[in-house]
Amino acid sequence: MSDLFDRASAREAELLADALYEQQQRSGLAGKTLADSAHECVDCDEPIPERRRAAVPGVQRCVDCQQRAERGRRER
């Protein structure tokens, strides 16, 4: 019985990895590195924290501006 659950868990991990990869492709962040990240937000010119730059390679906006941009896309 555990084989069934192990296979289901492995398949779930594969699907998650595929979904994350597809999202990276759509967002244009695939293949980006920390060096590609902006030091300042392109919208408000506030500094982007190093931790955010490391967590989201290629990031161009601070958290607040990114949330506003995503809300704007959803409302269209």
PDB file of N, CA and C in Angstrom:
ATOM      1  N   MET A   1       0.816  -1.193   0.000  1.00  0.00           N
ATOM      2  CA  MET A   1       0.000   0.000   0.000  1.00  0.00           C
ATOM      3  C   MET A   1       0.863   1.261   0.000  1.00  0.00           C
ATOM      4  N   SER A   2       2.004   1.210   0.688  1.00  0.00           N
ATOM      5  CA  SER A   2       2.846   2.405   0.733  1.00  0.00           C
ATOM      6  C   SER A   2       3.423   2.726  -0.647  1.00  0.00           C
ATOM      7  N   ASP A   3       3.592   1.715  -1.497  1.00  0.00           N
ATOM      8  CA  ASP A   3       4.055   1.974  -2.861  1.00  0.00           C
ATOM      9  C   ASP A   3       3.115   2.919  -3.596  1.00  0.00           C
ATOM     10  N   LEU A   4       1.836   2.722  -3.426  1.00  0.00           N
ATOM     11  CA  LEU A   4       0.843   3.557  -4.069  1.00  0.00           C
ATOM     12  C   LEU A   4       0.991   5.010  -3.598  1.00  0.00           C
ATOM     13  N   PHE A   5       1.140   5.192  -2.294  1.00  0.00           N
ATOM     14  CA  PHE A   5       1.295   6.536  -1.749  1.00  0.00           C
ATOM     15  C   PHE A   5       2.626   7.160  -2.149  1.00  0.00           C
ATOM     16  N   ASP A   6       3.673   6.350  -2.217  1.00  0.00           N
ATOM     17  CA  ASP A   6       4.978   6.862  -2.644  1.00  0.00           C
ATOM     18  C   ASP A   6       4.923   7.337  -4.090  1.00  0.00           C
ATOM     19  N   ARG A   7       4.272   6.558  -4.944  1.00  0.00           N
ATOM     20  CA  ARG A   7       4.143   6.961  -6.351  1.00  0.00           C
ATOM     21  C   ARG A   7       3.284   8.212  -6.494  1.00  0.00           C
ATOM     22  N   ALA A   8       2.207   8.282  -5.719  1.00  0.00           N
ATOM     23  CA  ALA A   8       1.339   9.463  -5.768  1.00  0.00           C
ATOM     24  C   ALA A   8       2.099  10.700  -5.303  1.00  0.00           C
ATOM     25  N   SER A   9       2.888  10.555  -4.262  1.00  0.00           N
ATOM     26  CA  SER A   9       3.678  11.670  -3.750  1.00  0.00           C
ATOM     27  C   SER A   9       4.736  12.115  -4.759  1.00  0.00           C
ATOM     28  N   ALA A  10       5.376  11.161  -5.391  1.00  0.00           N
ATOM     29  CA  ALA A  10       6.384  11.480  -6.401  1.00  0.00           C
ATOM     30  C   ALA A  10       5.740  12.179  -7.596  1.00  0.00           C
ATOM     31  N   ARG A  11       4.557  11.718  -7.995  1.00  0.00           N
ATOM     32  CA  ARG A  11       3.862  12.346  -9.127  1.00  0.00           C
ATOM     33  C   ARG A  11       3.441  13.772  -8.779  1.00  0.00           C
ATOM     34  N   GLU A  12       2.985  13.962  -7.554  1.00  0.00           N
ATOM     35  CA  GLU A  12       2.605  15.302  -7.106  1.00  0.00           C
ATOM     36  C   GLU A  12       3.808  16.245  -7.154  1.00  0.00           C
ATOM     37  N   ALA A  13       4.968  15.759  -6.734  1.00  0.00           N
ATOM     38  CA  ALA A  13       6.187  16.569  -6.782  1.00  0.00           C
ATOM     39  C   ALA A  13       6.555  16.918  -8.222  1.00  0.00           C
ATOM     40  N   GLU A  14       6.389  15.968  -9.135  1.00  0.00           N
ATOM     41  CA  GLU A  14       6.657  16.230 -10.558  1.00  0.00           C
ATOM     42  C   GLU A  14       5.728  17.308 -11.107  1.00  0.00           C
ATOM     43  N   LEU A  15       4.450  17.201 -10.780  1.00  0.00           N
ATOM     44  CA  LEU A  15       3.478  18.175 -11.268  1.00  0.00           C
ATOM     45  C   LEU A  15       3.770  19.573 -10.712  1.00  0.00           C
ATOM     46  N   LEU A  16       4.157  19.638  -9.447  1.00  0.00           N
ATOM     47  CA  LEU A  16       4.513  20.919  -8.848  1.00  0.00           C
ATOM     48  C   LEU A  16       5.734  21.517  -9.529  1.00  0.00           C
ATOM     49  N   ALA A  17       6.752  20.697  -9.768  1.00  0.00           N
ATOM     50  CA  ALA A  17       7.959  21.179 -10.442  1.00  0.00           C
ATOM     51  C   ALA A  17       7.630  21.680 -11.848  1.00  0.00           C
ATOM     52  N   ASP A  18       6.771  20.963 -12.554  1.00  0.00           N
ATOM     53  CA  ASP A  18       6.355  21.388 -13.897  1.00  0.00           C
ATOM     54  C   ASP A  18       5.605  22.718 -13.845  1.00  0.00           C
ATOM     55  N   ALA A  19       4.710  22.858 -12.875  1.00  0.00           N
ATOM     56  CA  ALA A  19       3.931  24.096 -12.762  1.00  0.00           C
ATOM     57  C   ALA A  19       4.838  25.276 -12.430  1.00  0.00           C
ATOM     58  N   LEU A  20       5.800  25.068 -11.543  1.00  0.00           N
ATOM     59  CA  LEU A  20       6.734  26.147 -11.201  1.00  0.00           C
ATOM     60  C   LEU A  20       7.591  26.530 -12.401  1.00  0.00           C
ATOM     61  N   TYR A  21       8.032  25.540 -13.164  1.00  0.00           N
ATOM     62  CA  TYR A  21       8.839  25.821 -14.356  1.00  0.00           C
ATOM     63  C   TYR A  21       8.024  26.622 -15.377  1.00  0.00           C
ATOM     64  N   GLU A  22       6.774  26.215 -15.592  1.00  0.00           N
ATOM     65  CA  GLU A  22       5.919  26.919 -16.548  1.00  0.00           C
ATOM     66  C   GLU A  22       5.678  28.359 -16.106  1.00  0.00           C
ATOM     67  N   GLN A  23       5.496  28.565 -14.804  1.00  0.00           N
ATOM     68  CA  GLN A  23       5.294  29.924 -14.299  1.00  0.00           C
ATOM     69  C   GLN A  23       6.545  30.764 -14.509  1.00  0.00           C
ATOM     70  N   GLN A  24       7.707  30.184 -14.300  1.00  0.00           N
ATOM     71  CA  GLN A  24       8.955  30.912 -14.555  1.00  0.00           C
ATOM     72  C   GLN A  24       9.055  31.310 -16.017  1.00  0.00           C
ATOM     73  N   GLN A  25       8.662  30.415 -16.902  1.00  0.00           N
ATOM     74  CA  GLN A  25       8.710  30.715 -18.330  1.00  0.00           C
ATOM     75  C   GLN A  25       7.767  31.867 -18.672  1.00  0.00           C
ATOM     76  N   ARG A  26       6.561  31.818 -18.116  1.00  0.00           N
ATOM     77  CA  ARG A  26       5.581  32.876 -18.393  1.00  0.00           C
ATOM     78  C   ARG A  26       6.017  34.212 -17.821  1.00  0.00           C
ATOM     79  N   SER A  27       6.668  34.206 -16.659  1.00  0.00           N
ATOM     80  CA  SER A  27       7.048  35.459 -16.012  1.00  0.00           C
ATOM     81  C   SER A  27       8.332  36.042 -16.588  1.00  0.00           C
ATOM     82  N   GLY A  28       9.034  35.282 -17.404  1.00  0.00           N
ATOM     83  CA  GLY A  28      10.276  35.783 -17.986  1.00  0.00           C
ATOM     84  C   GLY A  28      11.462  35.695 -17.039  1.00  0.00           C
ATOM     85  N   LEU A  29      11.322  34.980 -15.925  1.00  0.00           N
ATOM     86  CA  LEU A  29      12.410  34.882 -14.945  1.00  0.00           C
ATOM     87  C   LEU A  29      13.280  33.647 -15.141  1.00  0.00           C
ATOM     88  N   ALA A  30      12.918  32.785 -16.057  1.00  0.00           N
ATOM     89  CA  ALA A  30      13.690  31.561 -16.264  1.00  0.00           C
ATOM     90  C   ALA A  30      15.108  31.903 -16.682  1.00  0.00           C
ATOM     91  N   GLY A  31      16.069  31.285 -16.034  1.00  0.00           N
ATOM     92  CA  GLY A  31      17.471  31.485 -16.381  1.00  0.00           C
ATOM     93  C   GLY A  31      18.071  32.764 -15.816  1.00  0.00           C
ATOM     94  N   LYS A  32      17.301  33.518 -15.048  1.00  0.00           N
ATOM     95  CA  LYS A  32      17.811  34.755 -14.460  1.00  0.00           C
ATOM     96  C   LYS A  32      18.659  34.435 -13.239  1.00  0.00           C
ATOM     97  N   THR A  33      19.593  35.306 -12.942  1.00  0.00           N
ATOM     98  CA  THR A  33      20.457  35.144 -11.777  1.00  0.00           C
ATOM     99  C   THR A  33      20.338  36.374 -10.895  1.00  0.00           C
ATOM    100  N   LEU A  34      20.971  36.320  -9.743  1.00  0.00           N
ATOM    101  CA  LEU A  34      20.978  37.450  -8.830  1.00  0.00           C
ATOM    102  C   LEU A  34      21.524  38.691  -9.516  1.00  0.00           C
ATOM    103  N   ALA A  35      22.474  38.514 -10.407  1.00  0.00           N
ATOM    104  CA  ALA A  35      23.061  39.656 -11.125  1.00  0.00           C
ATOM    105  C   ALA A  35      22.047  40.328 -12.038  1.00  0.00           C
ATOM    106  N   ASP A  36      20.998  39.605 -12.450  1.00  0.00           N
ATOM    107  CA  ASP A  36      19.960  40.167 -13.316  1.00  0.00           C
ATOM    108  C   ASP A  36      18.914  40.960 -12.532  1.00  0.00           C
ATOM    109  N   SER A  37      18.953  40.865 -11.202  1.00  0.00           N
ATOM    110  CA  SER A  37      17.969  41.540 -10.366  1.00  0.00           C
ATOM    111  C   SER A  37      18.288  43.026 -10.243  1.00  0.00           C
ATOM    112  N   ALA A  38      17.222  43.817 -10.169  1.00  0.00           N
ATOM    113  CA  ALA A  38      17.397  45.254  -9.965  1.00  0.00           C
ATOM    114  C   ALA A  38      17.708  45.520  -8.492  1.00  0.00           C
ATOM    115  N   HIS A  39      18.493  46.524  -8.240  1.00  0.00           N
ATOM    116  CA  HIS A  39      18.786  46.931  -6.862  1.00  0.00           C
ATOM    117  C   HIS A  39      17.697  47.855  -6.333  1.00  0.00           C
ATOM    118  N   GLU A  40      17.014  48.525  -7.250  1.00  0.00           N
ATOM    119  CA  GLU A  40      15.932  49.425  -6.883  1.00  0.00           C
ATOM    120  C   GLU A  40      14.699  49.076  -7.712  1.00  0.00           C
ATOM    121  N   CYS A  41      13.535  49.228  -7.094  1.00  0.00           N
ATOM    122  CA  CYS A  41      12.264  48.927  -7.746  1.00  0.00           C
ATOM    123  C   CYS A  41      12.073  49.817  -8.974  1.00  0.00           C
ATOM    124  N   VAL A  42      11.653  49.224 -10.078  1.00  0.00           N
ATOM    125  CA  VAL A  42      11.452  49.983 -11.314  1.00  0.00           C
ATOM    126  C   VAL A  42      10.236  50.907 -11.233  1.00  0.00           C
ATOM    127  N   ASP A  43       9.335  50.650 -10.267  1.00  0.00           N
ATOM    128  CA  ASP A  43       8.133  51.473 -10.138  1.00  0.00           C
ATOM    129  C   ASP A  43       8.302  52.605  -9.127  1.00  0.00           C
ATOM    130  N   CYS A  44       8.851  52.302  -7.944  1.00  0.00           N
ATOM    131  CA  CYS A  44       8.901  53.306  -6.871  1.00  0.00           C
ATOM    132  C   CYS A  44      10.317  53.743  -6.494  1.00  0.00           C
ATOM    133  N   ASP A  45      11.329  53.159  -7.091  1.00  0.00           N
ATOM    134  CA  ASP A  45      12.737  53.490  -6.832  1.00  0.00           C
ATOM    135  C   ASP A  45      13.217  53.162  -5.422  1.00  0.00           C
ATOM    136  N   GLU A  46      12.427  52.415  -4.653  1.00  0.00           N
ATOM    137  CA  GLU A  46      12.872  51.980  -3.321  1.00  0.00           C
ATOM    138  C   GLU A  46      13.852  50.823  -3.475  1.00  0.00           C
ATOM    139  N   PRO A  47      14.810  50.678  -2.556  1.00  0.00           N
ATOM    140  CA  PRO A  47      15.750  49.554  -2.638  1.00  0.00           C
ATOM    141  C   PRO A  47      15.032  48.210  -2.502  1.00  0.00           C
ATOM    142  N   ILE A  48      15.484  47.227  -3.258  1.00  0.00           N
ATOM    143  CA  ILE A  48      14.963  45.866  -3.149  1.00  0.00           C
ATOM    144  C   ILE A  48      15.907  45.111  -2.224  1.00  0.00           C
ATOM    145  N   PRO A  49      15.383  44.553  -1.116  1.00  0.00           N
ATOM    146  CA  PRO A  49      16.240  43.858  -0.155  1.00  0.00           C
ATOM    147  C   PRO A  49      17.007  42.697  -0.800  1.00  0.00           C
ATOM    148  N   GLU A  50      18.213  42.484  -0.320  1.00  0.00           N
ATOM    149  CA  GLU A  50      19.081  41.416  -0.824  1.00  0.00           C
ATOM    150  C   GLU A  50      18.392  40.056  -0.738  1.00  0.00           C
ATOM    151  N   ARG A  51      17.660  39.818   0.352  1.00  0.00           N
ATOM    152  CA  ARG A  51      16.983  38.523   0.510  1.00  0.00           C
ATOM    153  C   ARG A  51      15.956  38.308  -0.603  1.00  0.00           C
ATOM    154  N   ARG A  52      15.241  39.359  -0.988  1.00  0.00           N
ATOM    155  CA  ARG A  52      14.262  39.222  -2.082  1.00  0.00           C
ATOM    156  C   ARG A  52      14.988  38.990  -3.395  1.00  0.00           C
ATOM    157  N   ARG A  53      16.081  39.701  -3.610  1.00  0.00           N
ATOM    158  CA  ARG A  53      16.842  39.547  -4.843  1.00  0.00           C
ATOM    159  C   ARG A  53      17.386  38.126  -4.966  1.00  0.00           C
ATOM    160  N   ALA A  54      17.790  37.542  -3.841  1.00  0.00           N
ATOM    161  CA  ALA A  54      18.305  36.165  -3.862  1.00  0.00           C
ATOM    162  C   ALA A  54      17.181  35.147  -4.046  1.00  0.00           C
ATOM    163  N   ALA A  55      16.024  35.427  -3.457  1.00  0.00           N
ATOM    164  CA  ALA A  55      14.904  34.486  -3.524  1.00  0.00           C
ATOM    165  C   ALA A  55      14.226  34.487  -4.886  1.00  0.00           C
ATOM    166  N   VAL A  56      14.227  35.649  -5.571  1.00  0.00           N
ATOM    167  CA  VAL A  56      13.542  35.774  -6.859  1.00  0.00           C
ATOM    168  C   VAL A  56      14.527  36.357  -7.874  1.00  0.00           C
ATOM    169  N   PRO A  57      15.411  35.526  -8.412  1.00  0.00           N
ATOM    170  CA  PRO A  57      16.393  36.032  -9.377  1.00  0.00           C
ATOM    171  C   PRO A  57      15.723  36.747 -10.544  1.00  0.00           C
ATOM    172  N   GLY A  58      16.232  37.905 -10.882  1.00  0.00           N
ATOM    173  CA  GLY A  58      15.667  38.676 -11.976  1.00  0.00           C
ATOM    174  C   GLY A  58      14.574  39.635 -11.540  1.00  0.00           C
ATOM    175  N   VAL A  59      14.321  39.708 -10.248  1.00  0.00           N
ATOM    176  CA  VAL A  59      13.246  40.558  -9.730  1.00  0.00           C
ATOM    177  C   VAL A  59      13.489  42.018 -10.117  1.00  0.00           C
ATOM    178  N   GLN A  60      12.410  42.712 -10.432  1.00  0.00           N
ATOM    179  CA  GLN A  60      12.499  44.111 -10.845  1.00  0.00           C
ATOM    180  C   GLN A  60      11.679  45.046  -9.959  1.00  0.00           C
ATOM    181  N   ARG A  61      10.804  44.475  -9.115  1.00  0.00           N
ATOM    182  CA  ARG A  61       9.928  45.291  -8.272  1.00  0.00           C
ATOM    183  C   ARG A  61      10.032  44.874  -6.809  1.00  0.00           C
ATOM    184  N   CYS A  62       9.754  45.833  -5.901  1.00  0.00           N
ATOM    185  CA  CYS A  62       9.643  45.509  -4.485  1.00  0.00           C
ATOM    186  C   CYS A  62       8.355  44.709  -4.282  1.00  0.00           C
ATOM    187  N   VAL A  63       8.170  44.157  -3.109  1.00  0.00           N
ATOM    188  CA  VAL A  63       7.007  43.314  -2.842  1.00  0.00           C
ATOM    189  C   VAL A  63       5.707  44.087  -3.052  1.00  0.00           C
ATOM    190  N   ASP A  64       5.627  45.300  -2.504  1.00  0.00           N
ATOM    191  CA  ASP A  64       4.384  46.079  -2.623  1.00  0.00           C
ATOM    192  C   ASP A  64       4.032  46.364  -4.082  1.00  0.00           C
ATOM    193  N   CYS A  65       5.007  46.811  -4.855  1.00  0.00           N
ATOM    194  CA  CYS A  65       4.738  47.123  -6.265  1.00  0.00           C
ATOM    195  C   CYS A  65       4.418  45.859  -7.062  1.00  0.00           C
ATOM    196  N   GLN A  66       5.058  44.752  -6.737  1.00  0.00           N
ATOM    197  CA  GLN A  66       4.763  43.494  -7.424  1.00  0.00           C
ATOM    198  C   GLN A  66       3.332  43.057  -7.154  1.00  0.00           C
ATOM    199  N   GLN A  67       2.895  43.203  -5.892  1.00  0.00           N
ATOM    200  CA  GLN A  67       1.515  42.839  -5.554  1.00  0.00           C
ATOM    201  C   GLN A  67       0.527  43.723  -6.304  1.00  0.00           C
ATOM    202  N   ARG A  68       0.812  45.033  -6.382  1.00  0.00           N
ATOM    203  CA  ARG A  68      -0.074  45.931  -7.126  1.00  0.00           C
ATOM    204  C   ARG A  68      -0.126  45.542  -8.603  1.00  0.00           C
ATOM    205  N   ALA A  69       1.024  45.206  -9.177  1.00  0.00           N
ATOM    206  CA  ALA A  69       1.074  44.822 -10.591  1.00  0.00           C
ATOM    207  C   ALA A  69       0.278  43.539 -10.835  1.00  0.00           C
ATOM    208  N   GLU A  70       0.394  42.574  -9.929  1.00  0.00           N
ATOM    209  CA  GLU A  70      -0.335  41.323 -10.091  1.00  0.00           C
ATOM    210  C   GLU A  70      -1.830  41.525  -9.911  1.00  0.00           C
ATOM    211  N   ARG A  71      -2.229  42.372  -8.969  1.00  0.00           N
ATOM    212  CA  ARG A  71      -3.657  42.674  -8.793  1.00  0.00           C
ATOM    213  C   ARG A  71      -4.211  43.334 -10.055  1.00  0.00           C
ATOM    214  N   GLY A  72      -3.441  44.224 -10.635  1.00  0.00           N
ATOM    215  CA  GLY A  72      -3.865  44.902 -11.860  1.00  0.00           C
ATOM    216  C   GLY A  72      -4.064  43.942 -13.004  1.00  0.00           C
ATOM    217  N   ARG A  73      -3.187  42.952 -13.129  1.00  0.00           N
ATOM    218  CA  ARG A  73      -3.322  41.945 -14.190  1.00  0.00           C
ATOM    219  C   ARG A  73      -4.572  41.096 -13.993  1.00  0.00           C
ATOM    220  N   ARG A  74      -4.861  40.743 -12.739  1.00  0.00           N
ATOM    221  CA  ARG A  74      -6.032  39.892 -12.450  1.00  0.00           C
ATOM    222  C   ARG A  74      -7.329  40.628 -12.715  1.00  0.00           C
ATOM    223  N   GLU A  75      -7.335  41.946 -12.504  1.00  0.00           N
ATOM    224  CA  GLU A  75      -8.564  42.724 -12.666  1.00  0.00           C
ATOM    225  C   GLU A  75      -8.906  42.972 -14.124  1.00  0.00           C
ATOM    226  N   ARG A  76      -7.975  42.801 -15.010  1.00  0.00           N
ATOM    227  CA  ARG A  76      -8.226  43.024 -16.446  1.00  0.00           C
ATOM    228  C   ARG A  76      -9.029  41.927 -17.054  1.00  0.00           C
TER     229      ARG A  76
END
